[in-house]
Amino acid sequence: MNKTGWKTSRENRFYGTNVWISEKRIDNVIQLIESNDSAITDLKIVVYDSRNKGS
């Protein structure tokens, strides 16, 4: 993530704990969906790219 220029929401570098927490949150959502036989009807993922600010 750091090599590609990504920053945390506070404009800092990523460290192992940042990545681990993100992966854990994604895993929790996947487990929740799978355990409830849920269907996603509307999903929106937003990625903010700070390199394009002001463009």
N, C-alpha and C. Protein backbone atom coordinates (compact mmCIF):
# COMPACT_ATOMS: atom_id res chain seq x y z
N MET A 1 0.83 -1.19 0.00
CA MET A 1 0.00 0.00 0.00
C MET A 1 0.88 1.26 0.00
N ASN A 2 1.92 1.22 0.80
CA ASN A 2 2.82 2.37 0.83
C ASN A 2 3.52 2.57 -0.50
N LYS A 3 3.92 1.47 -1.16
CA LYS A 3 4.62 1.56 -2.44
C LYS A 3 3.76 2.16 -3.53
N THR A 4 2.45 1.96 -3.44
CA THR A 4 1.55 2.51 -4.47
C THR A 4 1.08 3.92 -4.14
N GLY A 5 1.51 4.44 -2.98
CA GLY A 5 1.15 5.81 -2.63
C GLY A 5 -0.10 5.95 -1.79
N TRP A 6 -0.67 4.84 -1.36
CA TRP A 6 -1.86 4.91 -0.51
C TRP A 6 -1.48 5.45 0.86
N LYS A 7 -2.41 6.15 1.48
CA LYS A 7 -2.22 6.68 2.83
C LYS A 7 -3.41 6.29 3.68
N THR A 8 -3.22 6.32 4.99
CA THR A 8 -4.34 6.06 5.89
C THR A 8 -5.30 7.26 5.82
N SER A 9 -6.41 7.15 6.49
CA SER A 9 -7.39 8.25 6.47
C SER A 9 -6.82 9.53 7.09
N ARG A 10 -5.75 9.39 7.86
CA ARG A 10 -5.10 10.56 8.47
C ARG A 10 -3.82 10.94 7.74
N GLU A 11 -3.70 10.46 6.49
CA GLU A 11 -2.57 10.81 5.63
C GLU A 11 -1.22 10.27 6.12
N ASN A 12 -1.24 9.14 6.84
CA ASN A 12 -0.02 8.53 7.33
C ASN A 12 0.33 7.30 6.51
N ARG A 13 1.51 6.73 6.77
CA ARG A 13 1.93 5.49 6.15
C ARG A 13 1.13 4.33 6.73
N PHE A 14 1.06 3.24 5.98
CA PHE A 14 0.45 2.02 6.50
C PHE A 14 1.50 1.20 7.23
N TYR A 15 1.12 0.64 8.34
CA TYR A 15 1.95 -0.28 9.09
C TYR A 15 1.21 -1.60 9.19
N GLY A 16 1.89 -2.62 9.65
CA GLY A 16 1.30 -3.96 9.71
C GLY A 16 -0.03 -4.00 10.43
N THR A 17 -0.15 -3.23 11.52
CA THR A 17 -1.40 -3.24 12.27
C THR A 17 -2.55 -2.63 11.47
N ASN A 18 -2.26 -1.61 10.67
CA ASN A 18 -3.31 -1.01 9.83
C ASN A 18 -3.87 -2.04 8.86
N VAL A 19 -2.97 -2.78 8.23
CA VAL A 19 -3.38 -3.78 7.25
C VAL A 19 -4.12 -4.91 7.94
N TRP A 20 -3.62 -5.36 9.09
CA TRP A 20 -4.25 -6.46 9.82
C TRP A 20 -5.67 -6.08 10.24
N ILE A 21 -5.85 -4.87 10.74
CA ILE A 21 -7.19 -4.42 11.16
C ILE A 21 -8.13 -4.37 9.97
N SER A 22 -7.66 -3.88 8.83
CA SER A 22 -8.50 -3.81 7.63
C SER A 22 -8.92 -5.20 7.19
N GLU A 23 -7.97 -6.13 7.17
CA GLU A 23 -8.28 -7.51 6.78
C GLU A 23 -9.27 -8.13 7.76
N LYS A 24 -9.10 -7.89 9.05
CA LYS A 24 -9.99 -8.43 10.07
C LYS A 24 -11.42 -7.91 9.87
N ARG A 25 -11.56 -6.62 9.57
CA ARG A 25 -12.89 -6.04 9.36
C ARG A 25 -13.57 -6.66 8.14
N ILE A 26 -12.80 -6.85 7.07
CA ILE A 26 -13.35 -7.47 5.86
C ILE A 26 -13.78 -8.90 6.15
N ASP A 27 -12.94 -9.65 6.87
CA ASP A 27 -13.28 -11.03 7.25
C ASP A 27 -14.55 -11.08 8.07
N ASN A 28 -14.72 -10.14 9.01
CA ASN A 28 -15.92 -10.10 9.85
C ASN A 28 -17.17 -9.88 9.01
N VAL A 29 -17.10 -9.00 8.04
CA VAL A 29 -18.25 -8.73 7.17
C VAL A 29 -18.58 -9.98 6.35
N ILE A 30 -17.56 -10.63 5.81
CA ILE A 30 -17.78 -11.84 5.01
C ILE A 30 -18.42 -12.92 5.86
N GLN A 31 -17.92 -13.13 7.08
CA GLN A 31 -18.50 -14.14 7.97
C GLN A 31 -19.95 -13.81 8.30
N LEU A 32 -20.25 -12.56 8.53
CA LEU A 32 -21.61 -12.15 8.85
C LEU A 32 -22.55 -12.45 7.68
N ILE A 33 -22.12 -12.14 6.49
CA ILE A 33 -22.93 -12.39 5.30
C ILE A 33 -23.15 -13.88 5.10
N GLU A 34 -22.09 -14.66 5.22
CA GLU A 34 -22.19 -16.10 5.00
C GLU A 34 -23.02 -16.79 6.08
N SER A 35 -22.93 -16.35 7.31
CA SER A 35 -23.64 -17.01 8.41
C SER A 35 -25.14 -16.76 8.38
N ASN A 36 -25.56 -15.70 7.76
CA ASN A 36 -26.98 -15.35 7.72
C ASN A 36 -27.64 -15.68 6.40
N ASP A 37 -26.95 -16.36 5.52
CA ASP A 37 -27.48 -16.63 4.18
C ASP A 37 -28.04 -15.36 3.57
N SER A 38 -27.33 -14.28 3.77
CA SER A 38 -27.77 -12.98 3.27
C SER A 38 -27.45 -12.82 1.80
N ALA A 39 -28.15 -11.91 1.19
CA ALA A 39 -27.87 -11.55 -0.19
C ALA A 39 -27.60 -10.06 -0.23
N ILE A 40 -26.54 -9.70 -0.89
CA ILE A 40 -26.23 -8.28 -1.04
C ILE A 40 -27.01 -7.77 -2.24
N THR A 41 -27.87 -6.80 -2.00
CA THR A 41 -28.67 -6.27 -3.09
C THR A 41 -28.11 -4.94 -3.60
N ASP A 42 -27.38 -4.24 -2.75
CA ASP A 42 -26.82 -2.96 -3.15
C ASP A 42 -25.52 -2.77 -2.38
N LEU A 43 -24.42 -2.68 -3.09
CA LEU A 43 -23.12 -2.54 -2.46
C LEU A 43 -22.36 -1.41 -3.14
N LYS A 44 -21.81 -0.55 -2.32
CA LYS A 44 -21.02 0.56 -2.85
C LYS A 44 -19.71 0.61 -2.08
N ILE A 45 -18.60 0.55 -2.80
CA ILE A 45 -17.28 0.67 -2.20
C ILE A 45 -16.65 1.95 -2.74
N VAL A 46 -16.23 2.80 -1.84
CA VAL A 46 -15.65 4.07 -2.22
C VAL A 46 -14.19 4.07 -1.79
N VAL A 47 -13.32 4.37 -2.73
CA VAL A 47 -11.89 4.49 -2.44
C VAL A 47 -11.49 5.92 -2.76
N TYR A 48 -11.02 6.61 -1.75
CA TYR A 48 -10.58 7.98 -1.94
C TYR A 48 -9.10 7.98 -2.29
N ASP A 49 -8.76 8.66 -3.35
CA ASP A 49 -7.38 8.74 -3.81
C ASP A 49 -6.87 10.15 -3.52
N SER A 50 -6.07 10.28 -2.49
CA SER A 50 -5.60 11.60 -2.06
C SER A 50 -4.65 12.22 -3.08
N ARG A 51 -4.12 11.42 -4.01
CA ARG A 51 -3.21 11.97 -5.02
C ARG A 51 -3.95 12.87 -6.01
N ASN A 52 -5.28 12.75 -6.10
CA ASN A 52 -6.05 13.53 -7.05
C ASN A 52 -6.82 14.67 -6.39
N LYS A 53 -6.43 15.06 -5.20
CA LYS A 53 -7.13 16.16 -4.52
C LYS A 53 -7.01 17.44 -5.34
N GLY A 54 -8.10 18.12 -5.45
CA GLY A 54 -8.10 19.38 -6.16
C GLY A 54 -8.18 19.26 -7.67
N SER A 55 -8.32 18.06 -8.18
CA SER A 55 -8.41 17.87 -9.63
C SER A 55 -9.83 18.01 -10.10
